[in-house]
């Protein structure tokens, strides 16, 4: 491949086309949110002593929502079907990752709320 053809391919989106870039971004943010959610859940269970469980849980929820919204927007705007190279399958895979991050972040918030409550006092 000549240098001109490589520059032309890079200008058009390169190996990873414009369609796959949005899906990969949604996948990355969803996976990051899932990792943050696991960290928040571990912190809420007092197994890890880094950071505040509530702050980390809120961050996991925010990253999960961002990943899910990006994936749904990519699904709504992509043309063609699976296997066409526009990232449709990646966007479909990013939705459960983002929702899992939201679930783990919410669960960490609930655990941290129960851990902060005094042991001798019941509140309804």
PDB file of N, CA and C in Angstrom:
ATOM      1  N   UNK A   1       0.847  -1.171   0.000  1.00  0.00           N
ATOM      2  CA  UNK A   1       0.000   0.000   0.000  1.00  0.00           C
ATOM      3  C   UNK A   1       0.896   1.239   0.000  1.00  0.00           C
ATOM      4  N   UNK A   2       0.603   2.171  -0.864  1.00  0.00           N
ATOM      5  CA  UNK A   2       1.431   3.366  -0.966  1.00  0.00           C
ATOM      6  C   UNK A   2       1.088   4.354   0.153  1.00  0.00           C
ATOM      7  N   UNK A   3       1.952   5.338   0.318  1.00  0.00           N
ATOM      8  CA  UNK A   3       1.745   6.340   1.361  1.00  0.00           C
ATOM      9  C   UNK A   3       0.485   7.150   1.098  1.00  0.00           C
ATOM     10  N   UNK A   4       0.202   7.422  -0.179  1.00  0.00           N
ATOM     11  CA  UNK A   4      -1.006   8.182  -0.518  1.00  0.00           C
ATOM     12  C   UNK A   4      -2.260   7.404  -0.151  1.00  0.00           C
ATOM     13  N   UNK A   5      -2.246   6.106  -0.427  1.00  0.00           N
ATOM     14  CA  UNK A   5      -3.409   5.279  -0.095  1.00  0.00           C
ATOM     15  C   UNK A   5      -3.592   5.168   1.411  1.00  0.00           C
ATOM     16  N   UNK A   6      -2.495   5.105   2.157  1.00  0.00           N
ATOM     17  CA  UNK A   6      -2.587   5.041   3.614  1.00  0.00           C
ATOM     18  C   UNK A   6      -3.128   6.341   4.191  1.00  0.00           C
ATOM     19  N   UNK A   7      -2.686   7.468   3.667  1.00  0.00           N
ATOM     20  CA  UNK A   7      -3.219   8.752   4.137  1.00  0.00           C
ATOM     21  C   UNK A   7      -4.693   8.898   3.794  1.00  0.00           C
ATOM     22  N   UNK A   8      -5.075   8.414   2.616  1.00  0.00           N
ATOM     23  CA  UNK A   8      -6.476   8.466   2.220  1.00  0.00           C
ATOM     24  C   UNK A   8      -7.327   7.588   3.135  1.00  0.00           C
ATOM     25  N   UNK A   9      -6.828   6.399   3.469  1.00  0.00           N
ATOM     26  CA  UNK A   9      -7.554   5.501   4.375  1.00  0.00           C
ATOM     27  C   UNK A   9      -7.646   6.100   5.766  1.00  0.00           C
ATOM     28  N   UNK A  10      -6.589   6.768   6.228  1.00  0.00           N
ATOM     29  CA  UNK A  10      -6.624   7.402   7.550  1.00  0.00           C
ATOM     30  C   UNK A  10      -7.621   8.549   7.582  1.00  0.00           C
ATOM     31  N   UNK A  11      -7.710   9.299   6.499  1.00  0.00           N
ATOM     32  CA  UNK A  11      -8.650  10.412   6.446  1.00  0.00           C
ATOM     33  C   UNK A  11     -10.094   9.938   6.418  1.00  0.00           C
ATOM     34  N   UNK A  12     -10.327   8.768   5.828  1.00  0.00           N
ATOM     35  CA  UNK A  12     -11.684   8.240   5.747  1.00  0.00           C
ATOM     36  C   UNK A  12     -12.099   7.487   7.008  1.00  0.00           C
ATOM     37  N   UNK A  13     -11.225   7.333   7.954  1.00  0.00           N
ATOM     38  CA  UNK A  13     -11.575   6.639   9.180  1.00  0.00           C
ATOM     39  C   UNK A  13     -10.667   5.470   9.473  1.00  0.00           C
ATOM     40  N   UNK A  14      -9.786   5.138   8.565  1.00  0.00           N
ATOM     41  CA  UNK A  14      -8.809   4.089   8.798  1.00  0.00           C
ATOM     42  C   UNK A  14      -9.429   2.720   8.885  1.00  0.00           C
ATOM     43  N   UNK A  15      -8.771   1.836   9.586  1.00  0.00           N
ATOM     44  CA  UNK A  15      -9.239   0.469   9.752  1.00  0.00           C
ATOM     45  C   UNK A  15     -10.535   0.454  10.552  1.00  0.00           C
ATOM     46  N   UNK A  16     -10.557   1.231  11.615  1.00  0.00           N
ATOM     47  CA  UNK A  16     -11.776   1.341  12.425  1.00  0.00           C
ATOM     48  C   UNK A  16     -12.563   2.505  11.847  1.00  0.00           C
ATOM     49  N   UNK A  17     -13.668   2.200  11.230  1.00  0.00           N
ATOM     50  CA  UNK A  17     -14.471   3.234  10.592  1.00  0.00           C
ATOM     51  C   UNK A  17     -15.196   4.114  11.594  1.00  0.00           C
ATOM     52  N   UNK A  18     -15.843   5.123  11.095  1.00  0.00           N
ATOM     53  CA  UNK A  18     -16.570   6.039  11.962  1.00  0.00           C
ATOM     54  C   UNK A  18     -17.665   5.317  12.735  1.00  0.00           C
ATOM     55  N   UNK A  19     -18.278   4.330  12.123  1.00  0.00           N
ATOM     56  CA  UNK A  19     -19.348   3.598  12.795  1.00  0.00           C
ATOM     57  C   UNK A  19     -18.855   2.799  13.978  1.00  0.00           C
ATOM     58  N   UNK A  20     -17.712   2.175  13.832  1.00  0.00           N
ATOM     59  CA  UNK A  20     -17.178   1.363  14.923  1.00  0.00           C
ATOM     60  C   UNK A  20     -16.622   2.211  16.050  1.00  0.00           C
ATOM     61  N   UNK A  21     -16.207   3.411  15.761  1.00  0.00           N
ATOM     62  CA  UNK A  21     -15.628   4.266  16.784  1.00  0.00           C
ATOM     63  C   UNK A  21     -16.660   4.590  17.866  1.00  0.00           C
ATOM     64  N   UNK A  22     -17.869   4.915  17.467  1.00  0.00           N
ATOM     65  CA  UNK A  22     -18.915   5.216  18.443  1.00  0.00           C
ATOM     66  C   UNK A  22     -19.269   4.012  19.292  1.00  0.00           C
ATOM     67  N   UNK A  23     -19.325   2.849  18.684  1.00  0.00           N
ATOM     68  CA  UNK A  23     -19.625   1.632  19.433  1.00  0.00           C
ATOM     69  C   UNK A  23     -18.484   1.276  20.375  1.00  0.00           C
ATOM     70  N   UNK A  24     -17.243   1.449  19.923  1.00  0.00           N
ATOM     71  CA  UNK A  24     -16.104   1.179  20.789  1.00  0.00           C
ATOM     72  C   UNK A  24     -16.047   2.149  21.961  1.00  0.00           C
ATOM     73  N   UNK A  25     -16.409   3.385  21.735  1.00  0.00           N
ATOM     74  CA  UNK A  25     -16.462   4.366  22.814  1.00  0.00           C
ATOM     75  C   UNK A  25     -17.514   3.967  23.844  1.00  0.00           C
ATOM     76  N   UNK A  26     -18.687   3.557  23.379  1.00  0.00           N
ATOM     77  CA  UNK A  26     -19.743   3.118  24.289  1.00  0.00           C
ATOM     78  C   UNK A  26     -19.312   1.869  25.058  1.00  0.00           C
ATOM     79  N   UNK A  27     -18.648   0.932  24.386  1.00  0.00           N
ATOM     80  CA  UNK A  27     -18.136  -0.265  25.058  1.00  0.00           C
ATOM     81  C   UNK A  27     -17.103   0.087  26.122  1.00  0.00           C
ATOM     82  N   UNK A  28     -16.206   0.988  25.792  1.00  0.00           N
ATOM     83  CA  UNK A  28     -15.166   1.386  26.744  1.00  0.00           C
ATOM     84  C   UNK A  28     -15.727   2.065  27.976  1.00  0.00           C
ATOM     85  N   UNK A  29     -16.671   2.970  27.764  1.00  0.00           N
ATOM     86  CA  UNK A  29     -17.270   3.672  28.896  1.00  0.00           C
ATOM     87  C   UNK A  29     -18.097   2.712  29.746  1.00  0.00           C
ATOM     88  N   UNK A  30     -18.819   1.793  29.097  1.00  0.00           N
ATOM     89  CA  UNK A  30     -19.586   0.800  29.842  1.00  0.00           C
ATOM     90  C   UNK A  30     -18.696  -0.116  30.663  1.00  0.00           C
ATOM     91  N   UNK A  31     -17.585  -0.567  30.082  1.00  0.00           N
ATOM     92  CA  UNK A  31     -16.653  -1.430  30.804  1.00  0.00           C
ATOM     93  C   UNK A  31     -15.980  -0.680  31.952  1.00  0.00           C
ATOM     94  N   UNK A  32     -15.646   0.583  31.732  1.00  0.00           N
ATOM     95  CA  UNK A  32     -15.076   1.400  32.799  1.00  0.00           C
ATOM     96  C   UNK A  32     -16.079   1.574  33.933  1.00  0.00           C
ATOM     97  N   UNK A  33     -17.333   1.824  33.586  1.00  0.00           N
ATOM     98  CA  UNK A  33     -18.371   1.948  34.608  1.00  0.00           C
ATOM     99  C   UNK A  33     -18.566   0.666  35.389  1.00  0.00           C
ATOM    100  N   UNK A  34     -18.463  -0.470  34.700  1.00  0.00           N
ATOM    101  CA  UNK A  34     -18.589  -1.763  35.373  1.00  0.00           C
ATOM    102  C   UNK A  34     -17.437  -1.973  36.356  1.00  0.00           C
ATOM    103  N   UNK A  35     -16.227  -1.611  35.956  1.00  0.00           N
ATOM    104  CA  UNK A  35     -15.069  -1.736  36.858  1.00  0.00           C
ATOM    105  C   UNK A  35     -15.214  -0.809  38.060  1.00  0.00           C
ATOM    106  N   UNK A  36     -15.686   0.409  37.823  1.00  0.00           N
ATOM    107  CA  UNK A  36     -15.900   1.343  38.931  1.00  0.00           C
ATOM    108  C   UNK A  36     -16.999   0.824  39.852  1.00  0.00           C
ATOM    109  N   UNK A  37     -18.029   0.214  39.277  1.00  0.00           N
ATOM    110  CA  UNK A  37     -19.108  -0.359  40.083  1.00  0.00           C
ATOM    111  C   UNK A  37     -18.618  -1.478  40.980  1.00  0.00           C
ATOM    112  N   UNK A  38     -17.750  -2.361  40.447  1.00  0.00           N
ATOM    113  CA  UNK A  38     -17.188  -3.427  41.278  1.00  0.00           C
ATOM    114  C   UNK A  38     -16.354  -2.841  42.409  1.00  0.00           C
ATOM    115  N   UNK A  39     -15.585  -1.792  42.123  1.00  0.00           N
ATOM    116  CA  UNK A  39     -14.782  -1.139  43.156  1.00  0.00           C
ATOM    117  C   UNK A  39     -15.681  -0.514  44.216  1.00  0.00           C
ATOM    118  N   UNK A  40     -16.762   0.116  43.799  1.00  0.00           N
ATOM    119  CA  UNK A  40     -17.690   0.729  44.749  1.00  0.00           C
ATOM    120  C   UNK A  40     -18.357  -0.327  45.620  1.00  0.00           C
ATOM    121  N   UNK A  41     -18.712  -1.442  45.017  1.00  0.00           N
ATOM    122  CA  UNK A  41     -19.341  -2.516  45.774  1.00  0.00           C
ATOM    123  C   UNK A  41     -18.367  -3.118  46.778  1.00  0.00           C
ATOM    124  N   UNK A  42     -17.111  -3.271  46.384  1.00  0.00           N
ATOM    125  CA  UNK A  42     -16.100  -3.782  47.308  1.00  0.00           C
ATOM    126  C   UNK A  42     -15.858  -2.788  48.437  1.00  0.00           C
ATOM    127  N   UNK A  43     -15.882  -1.503  48.132  1.00  0.00           N
ATOM    128  CA  UNK A  43     -15.680  -0.478  49.151  1.00  0.00           C
ATOM    129  C   UNK A  43     -16.860  -0.436  50.114  1.00  0.00           C
ATOM    130  N   UNK A  44     -18.066  -0.611  49.603  1.00  0.00           N
ATOM    131  CA  UNK A  44     -19.243  -0.595  50.470  1.00  0.00           C
ATOM    132  C   UNK A  44     -19.258  -1.794  51.406  1.00  0.00           C
ATOM    133  N   UNK A  45     -18.667  -2.908  50.980  1.00  0.00           N
ATOM    134  CA  UNK A  45     -18.573  -4.087  51.825  1.00  0.00           C
ATOM    135  C   UNK A  45     -17.359  -4.061  52.734  1.00  0.00           C
ATOM    136  N   UNK A  46     -16.636  -2.954  52.784  1.00  0.00           N
ATOM    137  CA  UNK A  46     -15.456  -2.746  53.623  1.00  0.00           C
ATOM    138  C   UNK A  46     -14.339  -3.737  53.308  1.00  0.00           C
ATOM    139  N   UNK A  47     -14.226  -4.138  52.030  1.00  0.00           N
ATOM    140  CA  UNK A  47     -13.144  -5.026  51.631  1.00  0.00           C
ATOM    141  C   UNK A  47     -11.978  -4.247  51.049  1.00  0.00           C
ATOM    142  N   UNK A  48     -12.219  -3.049  50.578  1.00  0.00           N
ATOM    143  CA  UNK A  48     -11.173  -2.212  49.998  1.00  0.00           C
ATOM    144  C   UNK A  48     -11.251  -0.860  50.699  1.00  0.00           C
ATOM    145  N   UNK A  49     -10.116  -0.271  51.015  1.00  0.00           N
ATOM    146  CA  UNK A  49     -10.149   0.975  51.780  1.00  0.00           C
ATOM    147  C   UNK A  49      -9.698   2.170  50.945  1.00  0.00           C
ATOM    148  N   UNK A  50     -10.193   2.273  49.718  1.00  0.00           N
ATOM    149  CA  UNK A  50      -9.841   3.416  48.881  1.00  0.00           C
ATOM    150  C   UNK A  50     -11.097   4.182  48.519  1.00  0.00           C
ATOM    151  N   UNK A  51     -11.148   5.420  48.878  1.00  0.00           N
ATOM    152  CA  UNK A  51     -12.235   6.294  48.458  1.00  0.00           C
ATOM    153  C   UNK A  51     -13.519   6.109  49.242  1.00  0.00           C
ATOM    154  N   UNK A  52     -14.477   6.933  48.898  1.00  0.00           N
ATOM    155  CA  UNK A  52     -15.788   6.915  49.510  1.00  0.00           C
ATOM    156  C   UNK A  52     -16.717   6.055  48.653  1.00  0.00           C
ATOM    157  N   UNK A  53     -17.414   5.120  49.264  1.00  0.00           N
ATOM    158  CA  UNK A  53     -18.269   4.202  48.506  1.00  0.00           C
ATOM    159  C   UNK A  53     -19.405   4.944  47.805  1.00  0.00           C
ATOM    160  N   UNK A  54     -19.952   5.974  48.433  1.00  0.00           N
ATOM    161  CA  UNK A  54     -21.054   6.716  47.806  1.00  0.00           C
ATOM    162  C   UNK A  54     -20.576   7.473  46.572  1.00  0.00           C
ATOM    163  N   UNK A  55     -19.437   8.115  46.662  1.00  0.00           N
ATOM    164  CA  UNK A  55     -18.899   8.859  45.525  1.00  0.00           C
ATOM    165  C   UNK A  55     -18.555   7.927  44.374  1.00  0.00           C
ATOM    166  N   UNK A  56     -17.944   6.793  44.696  1.00  0.00           N
ATOM    167  CA  UNK A  56     -17.574   5.837  43.662  1.00  0.00           C
ATOM    168  C   UNK A  56     -18.826   5.223  43.041  1.00  0.00           C
ATOM    169  N   UNK A  57     -19.857   4.967  43.859  1.00  0.00           N
ATOM    170  CA  UNK A  57     -21.117   4.428  43.345  1.00  0.00           C
ATOM    171  C   UNK A  57     -21.803   5.389  42.394  1.00  0.00           C
ATOM    172  N   UNK A  58     -21.796   6.661  42.745  1.00  0.00           N
ATOM    173  CA  UNK A  58     -22.396   7.672  41.862  1.00  0.00           C
ATOM    174  C   UNK A  58     -21.609   7.770  40.560  1.00  0.00           C
ATOM    175  N   UNK A  59     -20.289   7.638  40.640  1.00  0.00           N
ATOM    176  CA  UNK A  59     -19.466   7.654  39.425  1.00  0.00           C
ATOM    177  C   UNK A  59     -19.778   6.458  38.531  1.00  0.00           C
ATOM    178  N   UNK A  60     -20.001   5.297  39.139  1.00  0.00           N
ATOM    179  CA  UNK A  60     -20.344   4.106  38.357  1.00  0.00           C
ATOM    180  C   UNK A  60     -21.686   4.282  37.671  1.00  0.00           C
ATOM    181  N   UNK A  61     -22.642   4.872  38.366  1.00  0.00           N
ATOM    182  CA  UNK A  61     -23.953   5.117  37.765  1.00  0.00           C
ATOM    183  C   UNK A  61     -23.837   6.091  36.598  1.00  0.00           C
ATOM    184  N   UNK A  62     -23.050   7.147  36.781  1.00  0.00           N
ATOM    185  CA  UNK A  62     -22.887   8.140  35.721  1.00  0.00           C
ATOM    186  C   UNK A  62     -22.202   7.532  34.492  1.00  0.00           C
ATOM    187  N   UNK A  63     -21.153   6.756  34.709  1.00  0.00           N
ATOM    188  CA  UNK A  63     -20.458   6.132  33.577  1.00  0.00           C
ATOM    189  C   UNK A  63     -21.357   5.106  32.890  1.00  0.00           C
ATOM    190  N   UNK A  64     -22.108   4.347  33.670  1.00  0.00           N
ATOM    191  CA  UNK A  64     -23.021   3.368  33.080  1.00  0.00           C
ATOM    192  C   UNK A  64     -24.105   4.016  32.250  1.00  0.00           C
ATOM    193  N   UNK A  65     -24.670   5.101  32.765  1.00  0.00           N
ATOM    194  CA  UNK A  65     -25.693   5.821  32.003  1.00  0.00           C
ATOM    195  C   UNK A  65     -25.115   6.418  30.725  1.00  0.00           C
ATOM    196  N   UNK A  66     -23.913   6.974  30.819  1.00  0.00           N
ATOM    197  CA  UNK A  66     -23.278   7.560  29.628  1.00  0.00           C
ATOM    198  C   UNK A  66     -23.017   6.493  28.571  1.00  0.00           C
ATOM    199  N   UNK A  67     -22.505   5.339  28.991  1.00  0.00           N
ATOM    200  CA  UNK A  67     -22.252   4.257  28.047  1.00  0.00           C
ATOM    201  C   UNK A  67     -23.521   3.728  27.412  1.00  0.00           C
ATOM    202  N   UNK A  68     -24.578   3.590  28.217  1.00  0.00           N
ATOM    203  CA  UNK A  68     -25.849   3.103  27.688  1.00  0.00           C
ATOM    204  C   UNK A  68     -26.465   4.101  26.719  1.00  0.00           C
ATOM    205  N   UNK A  69     -26.435   5.368  27.065  1.00  0.00           N
ATOM    206  CA  UNK A  69     -27.013   6.397  26.189  1.00  0.00           C
ATOM    207  C   UNK A  69     -26.239   6.467  24.874  1.00  0.00           C
ATOM    208  N   UNK A  70     -24.907   6.409  24.943  1.00  0.00           N
ATOM    209  CA  UNK A  70     -24.115   6.416  23.708  1.00  0.00           C
ATOM    210  C   UNK A  70     -24.430   5.206  22.840  1.00  0.00           C
ATOM    211  N   UNK A  71     -24.596   4.041  23.468  1.00  0.00           N
ATOM    212  CA  UNK A  71     -24.896   2.830  22.698  1.00  0.00           C
ATOM    213  C   UNK A  71     -26.266   2.916  22.046  1.00  0.00           C
ATOM    214  N   UNK A  72     -27.258   3.416  22.780  1.00  0.00           N
ATOM    215  CA  UNK A  72     -28.609   3.533  22.214  1.00  0.00           C
ATOM    216  C   UNK A  72     -28.620   4.562  21.087  1.00  0.00           C
ATOM    217  N   UNK A  73     -27.913   5.670  21.268  1.00  0.00           N
ATOM    218  CA  UNK A  73     -27.831   6.663  20.189  1.00  0.00           C
ATOM    219  C   UNK A  73     -27.142   6.085  18.960  1.00  0.00           C
ATOM    220  N   UNK A  74     -26.118   5.282  19.183  1.00  0.00           N
ATOM    221  CA  UNK A  74     -25.433   4.666  18.051  1.00  0.00           C
ATOM    222  C   UNK A  74     -26.353   3.677  17.335  1.00  0.00           C
ATOM    223  N   UNK A  75     -27.126   2.917  18.106  1.00  0.00           N
ATOM    224  CA  UNK A  75     -28.080   1.989  17.488  1.00  0.00           C
ATOM    225  C   UNK A  75     -29.131   2.726  16.672  1.00  0.00           C
ATOM    226  N   UNK A  76     -29.579   3.865  17.195  1.00  0.00           N
ATOM    227  CA  UNK A  76     -30.627   4.617  16.509  1.00  0.00           C
ATOM    228  C   UNK A  76     -30.128   5.263  15.222  1.00  0.00           C
ATOM    229  N   UNK A  77     -28.852   5.606  15.173  1.00  0.00           N
ATOM    230  CA  UNK A  77     -28.353   6.334  14.007  1.00  0.00           C
ATOM    231  C   UNK A  77     -27.572   5.469  13.026  1.00  0.00           C
ATOM    232  N   UNK A  78     -27.307   4.207  13.361  1.00  0.00           N
ATOM    233  CA  UNK A  78     -26.522   3.381  12.445  1.00  0.00           C
ATOM    234  C   UNK A  78     -27.413   2.802  11.352  1.00  0.00           C
ATOM    235  N   UNK A  79     -26.828   2.681  10.191  1.00  0.00           N
ATOM    236  CA  UNK A  79     -27.559   2.112   9.064  1.00  0.00           C
ATOM    237  C   UNK A  79     -27.008   0.732   8.763  1.00  0.00           C
ATOM    238  N   UNK A  80     -27.812  -0.120   8.208  1.00  0.00           N
ATOM    239  CA  UNK A  80     -27.373  -1.477   7.898  1.00  0.00           C
ATOM    240  C   UNK A  80     -27.608  -2.403   9.067  1.00  0.00           C
ATOM    241  N   UNK A  81     -27.166  -3.598   8.923  1.00  0.00           N
ATOM    242  CA  UNK A  81     -27.363  -4.606   9.948  1.00  0.00           C
ATOM    243  C   UNK A  81     -26.055  -5.079  10.532  1.00  0.00           C
ATOM    244  N   UNK A  82     -26.122  -6.156  11.312  1.00  0.00           N
ATOM    245  CA  UNK A  82     -24.893  -6.707  11.880  1.00  0.00           C
ATOM    246  C   UNK A  82     -23.968  -7.225  10.779  1.00  0.00           C
ATOM    247  N   UNK A  83     -22.697  -7.008  10.939  1.00  0.00           N
ATOM    248  CA  UNK A  83     -21.725  -7.473   9.961  1.00  0.00           C
ATOM    249  C   UNK A  83     -21.437  -6.490   8.848  1.00  0.00           C
ATOM    250  N   UNK A  84     -22.037  -5.305   8.891  1.00  0.00           N
ATOM    251  CA  UNK A  84     -21.784  -4.314   7.849  1.00  0.00           C
ATOM    252  C   UNK A  84     -20.603  -3.411   8.172  1.00  0.00           C
ATOM    253  N   UNK A  85     -20.054  -3.511   9.376  1.00  0.00           N
ATOM    254  CA  UNK A  85     -18.888  -2.715   9.719  1.00  0.00           C
ATOM    255  C   UNK A  85     -19.202  -1.388  10.353  1.00  0.00           C
ATOM    256  N   UNK A  86     -20.445  -1.154  10.740  1.00  0.00           N
ATOM    257  CA  UNK A  86     -20.760   0.134  11.352  1.00  0.00           C
ATOM    258  C   UNK A  86     -20.969   0.027  12.858  1.00  0.00           C
ATOM    259  N   UNK A  87     -20.546  -1.052  13.487  1.00  0.00           N
ATOM    260  CA  UNK A  87     -20.519  -1.138  14.938  1.00  0.00           C
ATOM    261  C   UNK A  87     -21.830  -1.478  15.607  1.00  0.00           C
ATOM    262  N   UNK A  88     -22.763  -2.063  14.882  1.00  0.00           N
ATOM    263  CA  UNK A  88     -24.067  -2.369  15.456  1.00  0.00           C
ATOM    264  C   UNK A  88     -23.959  -3.408  16.571  1.00  0.00           C
ATOM    265  N   UNK A  89     -23.167  -4.441  16.367  1.00  0.00           N
ATOM    266  CA  UNK A  89     -23.020  -5.492  17.380  1.00  0.00           C
ATOM    267  C   UNK A  89     -22.301  -4.951  18.617  1.00  0.00           C
ATOM    268  N   UNK A  90     -21.332  -4.095  18.433  1.00  0.00           N
ATOM    269  CA  UNK A  90     -20.638  -3.486  19.573  1.00  0.00           C
ATOM    270  C   UNK A  90     -21.565  -2.621  20.403  1.00  0.00           C
ATOM    271  N   UNK A  91     -22.451  -1.893  19.743  1.00  0.00           N
ATOM    272  CA  UNK A  91     -23.405  -1.066  20.469  1.00  0.00           C
ATOM    273  C   UNK A  91     -24.402  -1.928  21.236  1.00  0.00           C
ATOM    274  N   UNK A  92     -24.794  -3.050  20.640  1.00  0.00           N
ATOM    275  CA  UNK A  92     -25.711  -3.955  21.337  1.00  0.00           C
ATOM    276  C   UNK A  92     -25.021  -4.548  22.567  1.00  0.00           C
ATOM    277  N   UNK A  93     -23.740  -4.859  22.465  1.00  0.00           N
ATOM    278  CA  UNK A  93     -22.996  -5.408  23.599  1.00  0.00           C
ATOM    279  C   UNK A  93     -22.735  -4.362  24.675  1.00  0.00           C
ATOM    280  N   UNK A  94     -22.711  -3.085  24.301  1.00  0.00           N
ATOM    281  CA  UNK A  94     -22.429  -2.026  25.267  1.00  0.00           C
ATOM    282  C   UNK A  94     -23.613  -1.743  26.179  1.00  0.00           C
ATOM    283  N   UNK A  95     -24.816  -2.054  25.744  1.00  0.00           N
ATOM    284  CA  UNK A  95     -25.996  -1.756  26.561  1.00  0.00           C
ATOM    285  C   UNK A  95     -25.990  -2.543  27.871  1.00  0.00           C
ATOM    286  N   UNK A  96     -25.799  -3.879  27.862  1.00  0.00           N
ATOM    287  CA  UNK A  96     -25.758  -4.586  29.148  1.00  0.00           C
ATOM    288  C   UNK A  96     -24.584  -4.178  30.038  1.00  0.00           C
ATOM    289  N   UNK A  97     -23.457  -3.785  29.435  1.00  0.00           N
ATOM    290  CA  UNK A  97     -22.336  -3.313  30.243  1.00  0.00           C
ATOM    291  C   UNK A  97     -22.718  -2.044  31.004  1.00  0.00           C
ATOM    292  N   UNK A  98     -23.331  -1.103  30.314  1.00  0.00           N
ATOM    293  CA  UNK A  98     -23.748   0.134  30.966  1.00  0.00           C
ATOM    294  C   UNK A  98     -24.812  -0.096  32.023  1.00  0.00           C
ATOM    295  N   UNK A  99     -25.781  -0.956  31.715  1.00  0.00           N
ATOM    296  CA  UNK A  99     -26.826  -1.245  32.693  1.00  0.00           C
ATOM    297  C   UNK A  99     -26.274  -1.997  33.896  1.00  0.00           C
ATOM    298  N   UNK A 100     -25.283  -2.851  33.660  1.00  0.00           N
ATOM    299  CA  UNK A 100     -24.627  -3.534  34.778  1.00  0.00           C
ATOM    300  C   UNK A 100     -23.885  -2.562  35.675  1.00  0.00           C
ATOM    301  N   UNK A 101     -23.268  -1.559  35.083  1.00  0.00           N
ATOM    302  CA  UNK A 101     -22.583  -0.535  35.875  1.00  0.00           C
ATOM    303  C   UNK A 101     -23.575   0.256  36.717  1.00  0.00           C
ATOM    304  N   UNK A 102     -24.732   0.570  36.137  1.00  0.00           N
ATOM    305  CA  UNK A 102     -25.762   1.282  36.898  1.00  0.00           C
ATOM    306  C   UNK A 102     -26.245   0.414  38.061  1.00  0.00           C
ATOM    307  N   UNK A 103     -26.451  -0.870  37.799  1.00  0.00           N
ATOM    308  CA  UNK A 103     -26.910  -1.787  38.843  1.00  0.00           C
ATOM    309  C   UNK A 103     -25.890  -1.889  39.982  1.00  0.00           C
ATOM    310  N   UNK A 104     -24.620  -2.075  39.644  1.00  0.00           N
ATOM    311  CA  UNK A 104     -23.592  -2.196  40.677  1.00  0.00           C
ATOM    312  C   UNK A 104     -23.425  -0.894  41.464  1.00  0.00           C
ATOM    313  N   UNK A 105     -23.500   0.235  40.778  1.00  0.00           N
ATOM    314  CA  UNK A 105     -23.406   1.519  41.477  1.00  0.00           C
ATOM    315  C   UNK A 105     -24.565   1.735  42.422  1.00  0.00           C
ATOM    316  N   UNK A 106     -25.766   1.373  41.996  1.00  0.00           N
ATOM    317  CA  UNK A 106     -26.949   1.513  42.860  1.00  0.00           C
ATOM    318  C   UNK A 106     -26.859   0.576  44.061  1.00  0.00           C
ATOM    319  N   UNK A 107     -26.372  -0.644  43.812  1.00  0.00           N
ATOM    320  CA  UNK A 107     -26.224  -1.601  44.906  1.00  0.00           C
ATOM    321  C   UNK A 107     -25.184  -1.125  45.921  1.00  0.00           C
ATOM    322  N   UNK A 108     -24.115  -0.516  45.443  1.00  0.00           N
ATOM    323  CA  UNK A 108     -23.093   0.027  46.346  1.00  0.00           C
ATOM    324  C   UNK A 108     -23.655   1.185  47.159  1.00  0.00           C
ATOM    325  N   UNK A 109     -24.492   2.020  46.531  1.00  0.00           N
ATOM    326  CA  UNK A 109     -25.114   3.117  47.280  1.00  0.00           C
ATOM    327  C   UNK A 109     -26.024   2.583  48.377  1.00  0.00           C
ATOM    328  N   UNK A 110     -26.773   1.549  48.071  1.00  0.00           N
ATOM    329  CA  UNK A 110     -27.663   0.962  49.069  1.00  0.00           C
ATOM    330  C   UNK A 110     -26.859   0.350  50.215  1.00  0.00           C
ATOM    331  N   UNK A 111     -25.782  -0.360  49.901  1.00  0.00           N
ATOM    332  CA  UNK A 111     -24.952  -0.953  50.952  1.00  0.00           C
ATOM    333  C   UNK A 111     -24.283   0.101  51.811  1.00  0.00           C
ATOM    334  N   UNK A 112     -23.821   1.159  51.201  1.00  0.00           N
ATOM    335  CA  UNK A 112     -23.151   2.194  51.987  1.00  0.00           C
ATOM    336  C   UNK A 112     -24.150   2.935  52.868  1.00  0.00           C
ATOM    337  N   UNK A 113     -25.377   3.073  52.420  1.00  0.00           N
ATOM    338  CA  UNK A 113     -26.411   3.709  53.229  1.00  0.00           C
ATOM    339  C   UNK A 113     -26.712   2.858  54.456  1.00  0.00           C
ATOM    340  N   UNK A 114     -26.778   1.528  54.269  1.00  0.00           N
ATOM    341  CA  UNK A 114     -27.045   0.637  55.398  1.00  0.00           C
ATOM    342  C   UNK A 114     -25.845   0.558  56.338  1.00  0.00           C
ATOM    343  N   UNK A 115     -24.646   0.696  55.822  1.00  0.00           N
ATOM    344  CA  UNK A 115     -23.447   0.649  56.658  1.00  0.00           C
ATOM    345  C   UNK A 115     -23.297   1.916  57.493  1.00  0.00           C
ATOM    346  N   UNK A 116     -23.805   3.048  56.997  1.00  0.00           N
ATOM    347  CA  UNK A 116     -23.708   4.305  57.722  1.00  0.00           C
ATOM    348  C   UNK A 116     -24.736   4.416  58.843  1.00  0.00           C
ATOM    349  N   UNK A 117     -25.766   3.610  58.809  1.00  0.00           N
ATOM    350  CA  UNK A 117     -26.826   3.673  59.805  1.00  0.00           C
ATOM    351  C   UNK A 117     -26.312   3.121  61.137  1.00  0.00           C
ATOM    352  N   UNK A 118     -26.664   3.772  62.262  1.00  0.00           N
ATOM    353  CA  UNK A 118     -26.244   3.252  63.577  1.00  0.00           C
ATOM    354  C   UNK A 118     -26.820   1.855  63.820  1.00  0.00           C
ATOM    355  N   UNK A 119     -26.047   0.999  64.493  1.00  0.00           N
ATOM    356  CA  UNK A 119     -26.434  -0.400  64.662  1.00  0.00           C
ATOM    357  C   UNK A 119     -27.597  -0.562  65.639  1.00  0.00           C
ATOM    358  N   UNK A 120     -27.694   0.237  66.661  1.00  0.00           N
ATOM    359  CA  UNK A 120     -28.716   0.054  67.672  1.00  0.00           C
ATOM    360  C   UNK A 120     -30.038   0.725  67.360  1.00  0.00           C
ATOM    361  N   UNK A 121     -30.121   1.407  66.249  1.00  0.00           N
ATOM    362  CA  UNK A 121     -31.308   2.203  65.957  1.00  0.00           C
ATOM    363  C   UNK A 121     -31.905   1.791  64.624  1.00  0.00           C
ATOM    364  N   UNK A 122     -33.186   1.501  64.627  1.00  0.00           N
ATOM    365  CA  UNK A 122     -33.890   1.111  63.399  1.00  0.00           C
ATOM    366  C   UNK A 122     -34.648   2.319  62.865  1.00  0.00           C
ATOM    367  N   UNK A 123     -34.480   2.618  61.600  1.00  0.00           N
ATOM    368  CA  UNK A 123     -35.216   3.693  60.963  1.00  0.00           C
ATOM    369  C   UNK A 123     -36.005   3.112  59.810  1.00  0.00           C
ATOM    370  N   UNK A 124     -37.157   3.651  59.612  1.00  0.00           N
ATOM    371  CA  UNK A 124     -38.023   3.154  58.544  1.00  0.00           C
ATOM    372  C   UNK A 124     -38.165   4.168  57.463  1.00  0.00           C
TER     373      UNK A 124
END
